[in-house]
Amino acid sequence: MSKATYPLKLPMSIKKAAQRLAKEDGVSLNQWIAVAVAEKVGVTETAADFFKRRAGKATGEGLMRFLRTAPRSRPEAEDQRRPAQVAARRCWLFVRRRSLSSDHWPSTSKWGPALTAFFSGSQ
């Protein structure tokens, strides 16, 4: 495996969080960052491949044609979100955006499992 050196400039808060998480995992900061980048590359490439295969020969025009045939009616009561769910979801998205690694955050936070259960419907 060939290696490349890349000078990386991180905000101090992210570097400190990465150092803390690397220490918790028992690895060097360099190894922790390399794994985090590899995970992100893998997820991004996997998602891109999935959507390319799923889309097949679909076009935007085909989607628009389908959407124009959808009934123009309000969702049934059980399909509507309650205001508390909307507020909690916004909070969840904010926290996930602010966390260093959204894949890592739910399992390590005391609130992660509860929020995951709430949004997956297994309350």
PDB file of N, CA and C in Angstrom:
ATOM      1  N   MET A   1       0.857  -1.181   0.000  1.00  0.00           N
ATOM      2  CA  MET A   1       0.000   0.000   0.000  1.00  0.00           C
ATOM      3  C   MET A   1       0.893   1.230   0.000  1.00  0.00           C
ATOM      4  N   SER A   2       0.681   2.092  -0.966  1.00  0.00           N
ATOM      5  CA  SER A   2       1.441   3.334  -0.999  1.00  0.00           C
ATOM      6  C   SER A   2       0.758   4.361  -0.115  1.00  0.00           C
ATOM      7  N   LYS A   3       1.543   5.245   0.399  1.00  0.00           N
ATOM      8  CA  LYS A   3       1.018   6.277   1.293  1.00  0.00           C
ATOM      9  C   LYS A   3       1.355   7.639   0.738  1.00  0.00           C
ATOM     10  N   ALA A   4       0.488   8.592   1.010  1.00  0.00           N
ATOM     11  CA  ALA A   4       0.715   9.972   0.592  1.00  0.00           C
ATOM     12  C   ALA A   4       0.611  10.876   1.808  1.00  0.00           C
ATOM     13  N   THR A   5       1.417  11.896   1.816  1.00  0.00           N
ATOM     14  CA  THR A   5       1.364  12.875   2.894  1.00  0.00           C
ATOM     15  C   THR A   5       0.517  14.046   2.421  1.00  0.00           C
ATOM     16  N   TYR A   6      -0.369  14.492   3.310  1.00  0.00           N
ATOM     17  CA  TYR A   6      -1.239  15.607   2.973  1.00  0.00           C
ATOM     18  C   TYR A   6      -1.355  16.511   4.195  1.00  0.00           C
ATOM     19  N   PRO A   7      -0.895  17.763   4.083  1.00  0.00           N
ATOM     20  CA  PRO A   7      -1.043  18.668   5.227  1.00  0.00           C
ATOM     21  C   PRO A   7      -2.521  19.003   5.425  1.00  0.00           C
ATOM     22  N   LEU A   8      -3.005  18.780   6.592  1.00  0.00           N
ATOM     23  CA  LEU A   8      -4.428  18.954   6.872  1.00  0.00           C
ATOM     24  C   LEU A   8      -4.628  20.065   7.894  1.00  0.00           C
ATOM     25  N   LYS A   9      -5.411  21.045   7.520  1.00  0.00           N
ATOM     26  CA  LYS A   9      -5.720  22.143   8.436  1.00  0.00           C
ATOM     27  C   LYS A   9      -7.135  21.916   8.957  1.00  0.00           C
ATOM     28  N   LEU A  10      -7.257  21.763  10.262  1.00  0.00           N
ATOM     29  CA  LEU A  10      -8.551  21.539  10.900  1.00  0.00           C
ATOM     30  C   LEU A  10      -8.837  22.655  11.893  1.00  0.00           C
ATOM     31  N   PRO A  11     -10.100  23.016  12.059  1.00  0.00           N
ATOM     32  CA  PRO A  11     -10.433  23.913  13.167  1.00  0.00           C
ATOM     33  C   PRO A  11     -10.009  23.238  14.474  1.00  0.00           C
ATOM     34  N   MET A  12      -9.542  24.021  15.419  1.00  0.00           N
ATOM     35  CA  MET A  12      -9.035  23.480  16.676  1.00  0.00           C
ATOM     36  C   MET A  12     -10.078  22.608  17.385  1.00  0.00           C
ATOM     37  N   SER A  13     -11.342  23.007  17.334  1.00  0.00           N
ATOM     38  CA  SER A  13     -12.386  22.232  18.025  1.00  0.00           C
ATOM     39  C   SER A  13     -12.525  20.845  17.415  1.00  0.00           C
ATOM     40  N   ILE A  14     -12.415  20.735  16.098  1.00  0.00           N
ATOM     41  CA  ILE A  14     -12.526  19.427  15.446  1.00  0.00           C
ATOM     42  C   ILE A  14     -11.293  18.591  15.741  1.00  0.00           C
ATOM     43  N   LYS A  15     -10.134  19.217  15.742  1.00  0.00           N
ATOM     44  CA  LYS A  15      -8.913  18.469  16.046  1.00  0.00           C
ATOM     45  C   LYS A  15      -8.963  17.912  17.464  1.00  0.00           C
ATOM     46  N   LYS A  16      -9.405  18.723  18.406  1.00  0.00           N
ATOM     47  CA  LYS A  16      -9.489  18.257  19.796  1.00  0.00           C
ATOM     48  C   LYS A  16     -10.489  17.115  19.926  1.00  0.00           C
ATOM     49  N   ALA A  17     -11.627  17.234  19.241  1.00  0.00           N
ATOM     50  CA  ALA A  17     -12.617  16.156  19.288  1.00  0.00           C
ATOM     51  C   ALA A  17     -12.048  14.884  18.665  1.00  0.00           C
ATOM     52  N   ALA A  18     -11.341  15.018  17.554  1.00  0.00           N
ATOM     53  CA  ALA A  18     -10.735  13.859  16.897  1.00  0.00           C
ATOM     54  C   ALA A  18      -9.675  13.232  17.794  1.00  0.00           C
ATOM     55  N   GLN A  19      -8.881  14.053  18.458  1.00  0.00           N
ATOM     56  CA  GLN A  19      -7.868  13.526  19.379  1.00  0.00           C
ATOM     57  C   GLN A  19      -8.519  12.750  20.516  1.00  0.00           C
ATOM     58  N   ARG A  20      -9.591  13.303  21.056  1.00  0.00           N
ATOM     59  CA  ARG A  20     -10.295  12.641  22.156  1.00  0.00           C
ATOM     60  C   ARG A  20     -10.857  11.293  21.697  1.00  0.00           C
ATOM     61  N   LEU A  21     -11.485  11.283  20.518  1.00  0.00           N
ATOM     62  CA  LEU A  21     -12.078  10.045  20.015  1.00  0.00           C
ATOM     63  C   LEU A  21     -11.010   9.022  19.649  1.00  0.00           C
ATOM     64  N   ALA A  22      -9.884   9.473  19.111  1.00  0.00           N
ATOM     65  CA  ALA A  22      -8.779   8.564  18.791  1.00  0.00           C
ATOM     66  C   ALA A  22      -8.238   7.931  20.071  1.00  0.00           C
ATOM     67  N   LYS A  23      -8.117   8.742  21.111  1.00  0.00           N
ATOM     68  CA  LYS A  23      -7.637   8.229  22.391  1.00  0.00           C
ATOM     69  C   LYS A  23      -8.617   7.200  22.952  1.00  0.00           C
ATOM     70  N   GLU A  24      -9.935   7.490  22.856  1.00  0.00           N
ATOM     71  CA  GLU A  24     -10.951   6.538  23.322  1.00  0.00           C
ATOM     72  C   GLU A  24     -10.868   5.226  22.550  1.00  0.00           C
ATOM     73  N   ASP A  25     -10.552   5.313  21.252  1.00  0.00           N
ATOM     74  CA  ASP A  25     -10.455   4.113  20.412  1.00  0.00           C
ATOM     75  C   ASP A  25      -9.101   3.427  20.546  1.00  0.00           C
ATOM     76  N   GLY A  26      -8.143   4.083  21.213  1.00  0.00           N
ATOM     77  CA  GLY A  26      -6.826   3.498  21.413  1.00  0.00           C
ATOM     78  C   GLY A  26      -5.956   3.496  20.171  1.00  0.00           C
ATOM     79  N   VAL A  27      -6.137   4.495  19.318  1.00  0.00           N
ATOM     80  CA  VAL A  27      -5.342   4.595  18.086  1.00  0.00           C
ATOM     81  C   VAL A  27      -4.749   5.994  17.989  1.00  0.00           C
ATOM     82  N   SER A  28      -3.789   6.141  17.078  1.00  0.00           N
ATOM     83  CA  SER A  28      -3.192   7.458  16.874  1.00  0.00           C
ATOM     84  C   SER A  28      -4.191   8.369  16.157  1.00  0.00           C
ATOM     85  N   LEU A  29      -3.970   9.661  16.275  1.00  0.00           N
ATOM     86  CA  LEU A  29      -4.822  10.629  15.575  1.00  0.00           C
ATOM     87  C   LEU A  29      -4.736  10.408  14.076  1.00  0.00           C
ATOM     88  N   ASN A  30      -3.534  10.151  13.572  1.00  0.00           N
ATOM     89  CA  ASN A  30      -3.354   9.916  12.141  1.00  0.00           C
ATOM     90  C   ASN A  30      -4.185   8.706  11.684  1.00  0.00           C
ATOM     91  N   GLN A  31      -4.121   7.610  12.443  1.00  0.00           N
ATOM     92  CA  GLN A  31      -4.878   6.416  12.063  1.00  0.00           C
ATOM     93  C   GLN A  31      -6.377   6.685  12.144  1.00  0.00           C
ATOM     94  N   TRP A  32      -6.806   7.401  13.172  1.00  0.00           N
ATOM     95  CA  TRP A  32      -8.232   7.681  13.338  1.00  0.00           C
ATOM     96  C   TRP A  32      -8.753   8.524  12.163  1.00  0.00           C
ATOM     97  N   ILE A  33      -7.984   9.544  11.754  1.00  0.00           N
ATOM     98  CA  ILE A  33      -8.398  10.383  10.628  1.00  0.00           C
ATOM     99  C   ILE A  33      -8.397   9.570   9.338  1.00  0.00           C
ATOM    100  N   ALA A  34      -7.399   8.709   9.139  1.00  0.00           N
ATOM    101  CA  ALA A  34      -7.350   7.884   7.930  1.00  0.00           C
ATOM    102  C   ALA A  34      -8.572   6.973   7.841  1.00  0.00           C
ATOM    103  N   VAL A  35      -8.959   6.379   8.962  1.00  0.00           N
ATOM    104  CA  VAL A  35     -10.141   5.499   8.978  1.00  0.00           C
ATOM    105  C   VAL A  35     -11.405   6.319   8.725  1.00  0.00           C
ATOM    106  N   ALA A  36     -11.504   7.498   9.330  1.00  0.00           N
ATOM    107  CA  ALA A  36     -12.686   8.345   9.126  1.00  0.00           C
ATOM    108  C   ALA A  36     -12.826   8.740   7.655  1.00  0.00           C
ATOM    109  N   VAL A  37     -11.726   9.095   7.020  1.00  0.00           N
ATOM    110  CA  VAL A  37     -11.761   9.461   5.600  1.00  0.00           C
ATOM    111  C   VAL A  37     -12.127   8.244   4.757  1.00  0.00           C
ATOM    112  N   ALA A  38     -11.543   7.080   5.077  1.00  0.00           N
ATOM    113  CA  ALA A  38     -11.861   5.853   4.333  1.00  0.00           C
ATOM    114  C   ALA A  38     -13.341   5.496   4.464  1.00  0.00           C
ATOM    115  N   GLU A  39     -13.895   5.645   5.672  1.00  0.00           N
ATOM    116  CA  GLU A  39     -15.327   5.369   5.877  1.00  0.00           C
ATOM    117  C   GLU A  39     -16.181   6.310   5.036  1.00  0.00           C
ATOM    118  N   LYS A  40     -15.844   7.585   5.028  1.00  0.00           N
ATOM    119  CA  LYS A  40     -16.612   8.567   4.262  1.00  0.00           C
ATOM    120  C   LYS A  40     -16.529   8.278   2.767  1.00  0.00           C
ATOM    121  N   VAL A  41     -15.341   7.944   2.281  1.00  0.00           N
ATOM    122  CA  VAL A  41     -15.177   7.603   0.864  1.00  0.00           C
ATOM    123  C   VAL A  41     -16.014   6.376   0.524  1.00  0.00           C
ATOM    124  N   GLY A  42     -15.955   5.355   1.374  1.00  0.00           N
ATOM    125  CA  GLY A  42     -16.728   4.135   1.140  1.00  0.00           C
ATOM    126  C   GLY A  42     -18.215   4.387   1.117  1.00  0.00           C
ATOM    127  N   VAL A  43     -18.705   5.152   2.067  1.00  0.00           N
ATOM    128  CA  VAL A  43     -20.131   5.454   2.134  1.00  0.00           C
ATOM    129  C   VAL A  43     -20.568   6.259   0.913  1.00  0.00           C
ATOM    130  N   THR A  44     -19.786   7.256   0.554  1.00  0.00           N
ATOM    131  CA  THR A  44     -20.135   8.111  -0.576  1.00  0.00           C
ATOM    132  C   THR A  44     -20.129   7.323  -1.879  1.00  0.00           C
ATOM    133  N   GLU A  45     -19.095   6.521  -2.099  1.00  0.00           N
ATOM    134  CA  GLU A  45     -19.030   5.737  -3.329  1.00  0.00           C
ATOM    135  C   GLU A  45     -20.129   4.683  -3.375  1.00  0.00           C
ATOM    136  N   THR A  46     -20.403   4.050  -2.248  1.00  0.00           N
ATOM    137  CA  THR A  46     -21.461   3.042  -2.196  1.00  0.00           C
ATOM    138  C   THR A  46     -22.808   3.681  -2.486  1.00  0.00           C
ATOM    139  N   ALA A  47     -23.083   4.828  -1.885  1.00  0.00           N
ATOM    140  CA  ALA A  47     -24.362   5.513  -2.108  1.00  0.00           C
ATOM    141  C   ALA A  47     -24.487   5.944  -3.567  1.00  0.00           C
ATOM    142  N   ALA A  48     -23.409   6.473  -4.130  1.00  0.00           N
ATOM    143  CA  ALA A  48     -23.465   6.922  -5.524  1.00  0.00           C
ATOM    144  C   ALA A  48     -23.733   5.745  -6.456  1.00  0.00           C
ATOM    145  N   ASP A  49     -23.056   4.626  -6.218  1.00  0.00           N
ATOM    146  CA  ASP A  49     -23.282   3.432  -7.049  1.00  0.00           C
ATOM    147  C   ASP A  49     -24.710   2.926  -6.899  1.00  0.00           C
ATOM    148  N   PHE A  50     -25.201   2.906  -5.659  1.00  0.00           N
ATOM    149  CA  PHE A  50     -26.567   2.437  -5.413  1.00  0.00           C
ATOM    150  C   PHE A  50     -27.570   3.280  -6.190  1.00  0.00           C
ATOM    151  N   PHE A  51     -27.442   4.598  -6.092  1.00  0.00           N
ATOM    152  CA  PHE A  51     -28.414   5.464  -6.767  1.00  0.00           C
ATOM    153  C   PHE A  51     -28.298   5.387  -8.291  1.00  0.00           C
ATOM    154  N   LYS A  52     -27.085   5.196  -8.794  1.00  0.00           N
ATOM    155  CA  LYS A  52     -26.927   5.027 -10.243  1.00  0.00           C
ATOM    156  C   LYS A  52     -27.637   3.757 -10.706  1.00  0.00           C
ATOM    157  N   ARG A  53     -27.424   2.650  -9.971  1.00  0.00           N
ATOM    158  CA  ARG A  53     -28.090   1.398 -10.346  1.00  0.00           C
ATOM    159  C   ARG A  53     -29.598   1.518 -10.194  1.00  0.00           C
ATOM    160  N   ARG A  54     -30.036   2.130  -9.105  1.00  0.00           N
ATOM    161  CA  ARG A  54     -31.470   2.254  -8.820  1.00  0.00           C
ATOM    162  C   ARG A  54     -32.150   3.124  -9.873  1.00  0.00           C
ATOM    163  N   ALA A  55     -31.497   4.173 -10.297  1.00  0.00           N
ATOM    164  CA  ALA A  55     -32.085   5.079 -11.275  1.00  0.00           C
ATOM    165  C   ALA A  55     -32.165   4.423 -12.648  1.00  0.00           C
ATOM    166  N   GLY A  56     -31.184   3.578 -12.960  1.00  0.00           N
ATOM    167  CA  GLY A  56     -31.188   2.920 -14.265  1.00  0.00           C
ATOM    168  C   GLY A  56     -31.272   3.938 -15.385  1.00  0.00           C
ATOM    169  N   LYS A  57     -32.301   3.808 -16.201  1.00  0.00           N
ATOM    170  CA  LYS A  57     -32.475   4.729 -17.327  1.00  0.00           C
ATOM    171  C   LYS A  57     -33.520   5.801 -17.028  1.00  0.00           C
ATOM    172  N   ALA A  58     -33.859   5.932 -15.749  1.00  0.00           N
ATOM    173  CA  ALA A  58     -34.870   6.925 -15.372  1.00  0.00           C
ATOM    174  C   ALA A  58     -34.373   8.327 -15.691  1.00  0.00           C
ATOM    175  N   THR A  59     -35.322   9.194 -15.984  1.00  0.00           N
ATOM    176  CA  THR A  59     -34.982  10.589 -16.281  1.00  0.00           C
ATOM    177  C   THR A  59     -35.800  11.502 -15.382  1.00  0.00           C
ATOM    178  N   GLY A  60     -35.361  12.727 -15.303  1.00  0.00           N
ATOM    179  CA  GLY A  60     -36.116  13.711 -14.530  1.00  0.00           C
ATOM    180  C   GLY A  60     -37.506  13.924 -15.104  1.00  0.00           C
ATOM    181  N   GLU A  61     -37.616  13.843 -16.413  1.00  0.00           N
ATOM    182  CA  GLU A  61     -38.926  14.029 -17.048  1.00  0.00           C
ATOM    183  C   GLU A  61     -39.873  12.893 -16.668  1.00  0.00           C
ATOM    184  N   GLY A  62     -39.342  11.674 -16.581  1.00  0.00           N
ATOM    185  CA  GLY A  62     -40.178  10.543 -16.164  1.00  0.00           C
ATOM    186  C   GLY A  62     -40.703  10.745 -14.748  1.00  0.00           C
ATOM    187  N   LEU A  63     -39.854  11.261 -13.867  1.00  0.00           N
ATOM    188  CA  LEU A  63     -40.271  11.542 -12.495  1.00  0.00           C
ATOM    189  C   LEU A  63     -41.355  12.613 -12.473  1.00  0.00           C
ATOM    190  N   MET A  64     -41.157  13.670 -13.226  1.00  0.00           N
ATOM    191  CA  MET A  64     -42.150  14.746 -13.250  1.00  0.00           C
ATOM    192  C   MET A  64     -43.487  14.238 -13.798  1.00  0.00           C
ATOM    193  N   ARG A  65     -43.454  13.392 -14.808  1.00  0.00           N
ATOM    194  CA  ARG A  65     -44.674  12.824 -15.364  1.00  0.00           C
ATOM    195  C   ARG A  65     -45.407  12.007 -14.292  1.00  0.00           C
ATOM    196  N   PHE A  66     -44.646  11.230 -13.525  1.00  0.00           N
ATOM    197  CA  PHE A  66     -45.228  10.433 -12.448  1.00  0.00           C
ATOM    198  C   PHE A  66     -45.835  11.340 -11.366  1.00  0.00           C
ATOM    199  N   LEU A  67     -45.098  12.367 -10.961  1.00  0.00           N
ATOM    200  CA  LEU A  67     -45.577  13.256  -9.898  1.00  0.00           C
ATOM    201  C   LEU A  67     -46.830  14.023 -10.316  1.00  0.00           C
ATOM    202  N   ARG A  68     -46.963  14.339 -11.593  1.00  0.00           N
ATOM    203  CA  ARG A  68     -48.166  15.052 -12.042  1.00  0.00           C
ATOM    204  C   ARG A  68     -49.418  14.185 -11.914  1.00  0.00           C
ATOM    205  N   THR A  69     -49.251  12.871 -11.873  1.00  0.00           N
ATOM    206  CA  THR A  69     -50.411  11.984 -11.740  1.00  0.00           C
ATOM    207  C   THR A  69     -50.789  11.733 -10.279  1.00  0.00           C
ATOM    208  N   ALA A  70     -49.968  12.201  -9.338  1.00  0.00           N
ATOM    209  CA  ALA A  70     -50.256  11.978  -7.919  1.00  0.00           C
ATOM    210  C   ALA A  70     -51.516  12.731  -7.512  1.00  0.00           C
ATOM    211  N   PRO A  71     -52.332  12.120  -6.646  1.00  0.00           N
ATOM    212  CA  PRO A  71     -53.548  12.809  -6.209  1.00  0.00           C
ATOM    213  C   PRO A  71     -53.217  14.055  -5.395  1.00  0.00           C
ATOM    214  N   ARG A  72     -54.010  15.069  -5.558  1.00  0.00           N
ATOM    215  CA  ARG A  72     -53.798  16.318  -4.814  1.00  0.00           C
ATOM    216  C   ARG A  72     -54.706  16.313  -3.597  1.00  0.00           C
ATOM    217  N   SER A  73     -54.269  15.604  -2.577  1.00  0.00           N
ATOM    218  CA  SER A  73     -55.042  15.522  -1.346  1.00  0.00           C
ATOM    219  C   SER A  73     -54.095  15.642  -0.157  1.00  0.00           C
ATOM    220  N   ARG A  74     -54.657  16.035   0.950  1.00  0.00           N
ATOM    221  CA  ARG A  74     -53.865  16.170   2.173  1.00  0.00           C
ATOM    222  C   ARG A  74     -53.568  14.782   2.727  1.00  0.00           C
ATOM    223  N   PRO A  75     -52.434  14.616   3.402  1.00  0.00           N
ATOM    224  CA  PRO A  75     -52.125  13.314   4.004  1.00  0.00           C
ATOM    225  C   PRO A  75     -53.155  12.954   5.062  1.00  0.00           C
ATOM    226  N   GLU A  76     -53.371  11.665   5.245  1.00  0.00           N
ATOM    227  CA  GLU A  76     -54.278  11.219   6.301  1.00  0.00           C
ATOM    228  C   GLU A  76     -53.667  11.575   7.647  1.00  0.00           C
ATOM    229  N   ALA A  77     -54.513  11.651   8.676  1.00  0.00           N
ATOM    230  CA  ALA A  77     -54.070  12.112   9.997  1.00  0.00           C
ATOM    231  C   ALA A  77     -52.869  11.326  10.515  1.00  0.00           C
ATOM    232  N   GLU A  78     -52.885  10.004  10.356  1.00  0.00           N
ATOM    233  CA  GLU A  78     -51.769   9.203  10.898  1.00  0.00           C
ATOM    234  C   GLU A  78     -50.478   9.371  10.100  1.00  0.00           C
ATOM    235  N   ASP A  79     -50.571   9.965   8.901  1.00  0.00           N
ATOM    236  CA  ASP A  79     -49.376  10.201   8.091  1.00  0.00           C
ATOM    237  C   ASP A  79     -48.775  11.582   8.326  1.00  0.00           C
ATOM    238  N   GLN A  80     -49.458  12.424   9.063  1.00  0.00           N
ATOM    239  CA  GLN A  80     -48.939  13.769   9.322  1.00  0.00           C
ATOM    240  C   GLN A  80     -48.036  13.742  10.540  1.00  0.00           C
ATOM    241  N   ARG A  81     -47.031  14.583  10.508  1.00  0.00           N
ATOM    242  CA  ARG A  81     -46.129  14.689  11.653  1.00  0.00           C
ATOM    243  C   ARG A  81     -46.740  15.590  12.703  1.00  0.00           C
ATOM    244  N   ARG A  82     -46.531  15.191  13.936  1.00  0.00           N
ATOM    245  CA  ARG A  82     -46.968  16.029  15.047  1.00  0.00           C
ATOM    246  C   ARG A  82     -45.929  17.130  15.254  1.00  0.00           C
ATOM    247  N   PRO A  83     -46.338  18.307  15.750  1.00  0.00           N
ATOM    248  CA  PRO A  83     -45.386  19.408  15.948  1.00  0.00           C
ATOM    249  C   PRO A  83     -44.178  19.012  16.791  1.00  0.00           C
ATOM    250  N   ALA A  84     -44.385  18.186  17.818  1.00  0.00           N
ATOM    251  CA  ALA A  84     -43.264  17.770  18.662  1.00  0.00           C
ATOM    252  C   ALA A  84     -42.267  16.936  17.865  1.00  0.00           C
ATOM    253  N   GLN A  85     -42.758  16.096  16.956  1.00  0.00           N
ATOM    254  CA  GLN A  85     -41.870  15.295  16.129  1.00  0.00           C
ATOM    255  C   GLN A  85     -41.047  16.183  15.199  1.00  0.00           C
ATOM    256  N   VAL A  86     -41.687  17.192  14.638  1.00  0.00           N
ATOM    257  CA  VAL A  86     -40.985  18.098  13.728  1.00  0.00           C
ATOM    258  C   VAL A  86     -39.873  18.821  14.486  1.00  0.00           C
ATOM    259  N   ALA A  87     -40.174  19.329  15.674  1.00  0.00           N
ATOM    260  CA  ALA A  87     -39.169  20.044  16.463  1.00  0.00           C
ATOM    261  C   ALA A  87     -38.038  19.107  16.873  1.00  0.00           C
ATOM    262  N   ALA A  88     -38.369  17.893  17.286  1.00  0.00           N
ATOM    263  CA  ALA A  88     -37.344  16.932  17.687  1.00  0.00           C
ATOM    264  C   ALA A  88     -36.476  16.546  16.497  1.00  0.00           C
ATOM    265  N   ARG A  89     -37.086  16.394  15.342  1.00  0.00           N
ATOM    266  CA  ARG A  89     -36.331  16.031  14.140  1.00  0.00           C
ATOM    267  C   ARG A  89     -35.358  17.146  13.770  1.00  0.00           C
ATOM    268  N   ARG A  90     -35.796  18.387  13.867  1.00  0.00           N
ATOM    269  CA  ARG A  90     -34.900  19.506  13.570  1.00  0.00           C
ATOM    270  C   ARG A  90     -33.721  19.515  14.536  1.00  0.00           C
ATOM    271  N   CYS A  91     -33.999  19.254  15.806  1.00  0.00           N
ATOM    272  CA  CYS A  91     -32.942  19.194  16.818  1.00  0.00           C
ATOM    273  C   CYS A  91     -31.971  18.065  16.479  1.00  0.00           C
ATOM    274  N   TRP A  92     -32.497  16.901  16.139  1.00  0.00           N
ATOM    275  CA  TRP A  92     -31.683  15.738  15.785  1.00  0.00           C
ATOM    276  C   TRP A  92     -30.767  16.059  14.595  1.00  0.00           C
ATOM    277  N   LEU A  93     -31.316  16.689  13.560  1.00  0.00           N
ATOM    278  CA  LEU A  93     -30.525  17.019  12.383  1.00  0.00           C
ATOM    279  C   LEU A  93     -29.432  18.027  12.725  1.00  0.00           C
ATOM    280  N   PHE A  94     -29.763  18.993  13.578  1.00  0.00           N
ATOM    281  CA  PHE A  94     -28.781  19.990  13.991  1.00  0.00           C
ATOM    282  C   PHE A  94     -27.611  19.309  14.702  1.00  0.00           C
ATOM    283  N   VAL A  95     -27.914  18.429  15.635  1.00  0.00           N
ATOM    284  CA  VAL A  95     -26.874  17.749  16.401  1.00  0.00           C
ATOM    285  C   VAL A  95     -26.037  16.867  15.485  1.00  0.00           C
ATOM    286  N   ARG A  96     -26.671  16.166  14.574  1.00  0.00           N
ATOM    287  CA  ARG A  96     -25.932  15.290  13.663  1.00  0.00           C
ATOM    288  C   ARG A  96     -25.015  16.099  12.747  1.00  0.00           C
ATOM    289  N   ARG A  97     -25.475  17.264  12.312  1.00  0.00           N
ATOM    290  CA  ARG A  97     -24.620  18.097  11.461  1.00  0.00           C
ATOM    291  C   ARG A  97     -23.428  18.620  12.244  1.00  0.00           C
ATOM    292  N   ARG A  98     -23.651  18.891  13.527  1.00  0.00           N
ATOM    293  CA  ARG A  98     -22.601  19.481  14.346  1.00  0.00           C
ATOM    294  C   ARG A  98     -21.613  18.441  14.871  1.00  0.00           C
ATOM    295  N   SER A  99     -21.985  17.176  14.867  1.00  0.00           N
ATOM    296  CA  SER A  99     -21.086  16.153  15.393  1.00  0.00           C
ATOM    297  C   SER A  99     -19.965  15.890  14.402  1.00  0.00           C
ATOM    298  N   LEU A 100     -18.845  15.459  14.908  1.00  0.00           N
ATOM    299  CA  LEU A 100     -17.688  15.213  14.054  1.00  0.00           C
ATOM    300  C   LEU A 100     -17.962  14.074  13.086  1.00  0.00           C
ATOM    301  N   SER A 101     -18.579  13.012  13.574  1.00  0.00           N
ATOM    302  CA  SER A 101     -18.866  11.856  12.718  1.00  0.00           C
ATOM    303  C   SER A 101     -20.283  11.407  13.002  1.00  0.00           C
ATOM    304  N   SER A 102     -21.188  11.650  12.084  1.00  0.00           N
ATOM    305  CA  SER A 102     -22.584  11.330  12.328  1.00  0.00           C
ATOM    306  C   SER A 102     -22.803   9.838  12.495  1.00  0.00           C
ATOM    307  N   ASP A 103     -21.914   8.997  11.919  1.00  0.00           N
ATOM    308  CA  ASP A 103     -22.065   7.557  12.099  1.00  0.00           C
ATOM    309  C   ASP A 103     -21.617   7.135  13.489  1.00  0.00           C
ATOM    310  N   HIS A 104     -20.724   7.909  14.091  1.00  0.00           N
ATOM    311  CA  HIS A 104     -20.173   7.562  15.399  1.00  0.00           C
ATOM    312  C   HIS A 104     -21.033   8.113  16.539  1.00  0.00           C
ATOM    313  N   TRP A 105     -21.648   9.247  16.321  1.00  0.00           N
ATOM    314  CA  TRP A 105     -22.333   9.955  17.402  1.00  0.00           C
ATOM    315  C   TRP A 105     -23.458   9.175  18.069  1.00  0.00           C
ATOM    316  N   PRO A 106     -24.413   8.569  17.337  1.00  0.00           N
ATOM    317  CA  PRO A 106     -25.544   7.955  18.025  1.00  0.00           C
ATOM    318  C   PRO A 106     -25.165   6.865  19.006  1.00  0.00           C
ATOM    319  N   SER A 107     -24.128   6.078  18.738  1.00  0.00           N
ATOM    320  CA  SER A 107     -23.799   4.971  19.626  1.00  0.00           C
ATOM    321  C   SER A 107     -23.043   5.431  20.868  1.00  0.00           C
ATOM    322  N   THR A 108     -22.430   6.618  20.831  1.00  0.00           N
ATOM    323  CA  THR A 108     -21.619   7.044  21.965  1.00  0.00           C
ATOM    324  C   THR A 108     -22.321   8.058  22.856  1.00  0.00           C
ATOM    325  N   SER A 109     -23.391   8.634  22.394  1.00  0.00           N
ATOM    326  CA  SER A 109     -24.097   9.635  23.183  1.00  0.00           C
ATOM    327  C   SER A 109     -25.188   8.980  24.012  1.00  0.00           C
ATOM    328  N   LYS A 110     -25.443   9.503  25.193  1.00  0.00           N
ATOM    329  CA  LYS A 110     -26.516   8.928  26.005  1.00  0.00           C
ATOM    330  C   LYS A 110     -27.876   9.183  25.373  1.00  0.00           C
ATOM    331  N   TRP A 111     -27.985  10.199  24.505  1.00  0.00           N
ATOM    332  CA  TRP A 111     -29.264  10.498  23.865  1.00  0.00           C
ATOM    333  C   TRP A 111     -29.428   9.790  22.530  1.00  0.00           C
ATOM    334  N   GLY A 112     -28.324   9.354  21.934  1.00  0.00           N
ATOM    335  CA  GLY A 112     -28.368   8.740  20.613  1.00  0.00           C
ATOM    336  C   GLY A 112     -29.352   7.596  20.472  1.00  0.00           C
ATOM    337  N   PRO A 113     -29.281   6.555  21.341  1.00  0.00           N
ATOM    338  CA  PRO A 113     -30.195   5.428  21.190  1.00  0.00           C
ATOM    339  C   PRO A 113     -31.665   5.830  21.332  1.00  0.00           C
ATOM    340  N   ALA A 114     -31.952   6.756  22.240  1.00  0.00           N
ATOM    341  CA  ALA A 114     -33.342   7.186  22.423  1.00  0.00           C
ATOM    342  C   ALA A 114     -33.849   7.922  21.192  1.00  0.00           C
ATOM    343  N   LEU A 115     -33.019   8.814  20.645  1.00  0.00           N
ATOM    344  CA  LEU A 115     -33.429   9.554  19.453  1.00  0.00           C
ATOM    345  C   LEU A 115     -33.555   8.631  18.249  1.00  0.00           C
ATOM    346  N   THR A 116     -32.634   7.673  18.134  1.00  0.00           N
ATOM    347  CA  THR A 116     -32.713   6.723  17.030  1.00  0.00           C
ATOM    348  C   THR A 116     -34.011   5.929  17.110  1.00  0.00           C
ATOM    349  N   ALA A 117     -34.358   5.462  18.312  1.00  0.00           N
ATOM    350  CA  ALA A 117     -35.598   4.706  18.504  1.00  0.00           C
ATOM    351  C   ALA A 117     -36.807   5.573  18.193  1.00  0.00           C
ATOM    352  N   PHE A 118     -36.762   6.836  18.618  1.00  0.00           N
ATOM    353  CA  PHE A 118     -37.882   7.742  18.385  1.00  0.00           C
ATOM    354  C   PHE A 118     -38.141   7.918  16.911  1.00  0.00           C
ATOM    355  N   PHE A 119     -37.073   8.139  16.124  1.00  0.00           N
ATOM    356  CA  PHE A 119     -37.258   8.417  14.712  1.00  0.00           C
ATOM    357  C   PHE A 119     -37.441   7.158  13.881  1.00  0.00           C
ATOM    358  N   SER A 120     -37.096   5.995  14.439  1.00  0.00           N
ATOM    359  CA  SER A 120     -37.349   4.770  13.680  1.00  0.00           C
ATOM    360  C   SER A 120     -38.739   4.241  13.985  1.00  0.00           C
ATOM    361  N   GLY A 121     -39.436   4.862  14.936  1.00  0.00           N
ATOM    362  CA  GLY A 121     -40.807   4.473  15.242  1.00  0.00           C
ATOM    363  C   GLY A 121     -40.909   3.379  16.287  1.00  0.00           C
ATOM    364  N   SER A 122     -39.800   2.965  16.893  1.00  0.00           N
ATOM    365  CA  SER A 122     -39.864   1.900  17.909  1.00  0.00           C
ATOM    366  C   SER A 122     -39.871   2.495  19.299  1.00  0.00           C
ATOM    367  N   GLN A 123     -40.846   3.346  19.564  1.00  0.00           N
ATOM    368  CA  GLN A 123     -40.944   4.047  20.853  1.00  0.00           C
ATOM    369  C   GLN A 123     -41.432   3.105  21.936  1.00  0.00           C
TER     370      GLN A 123
END
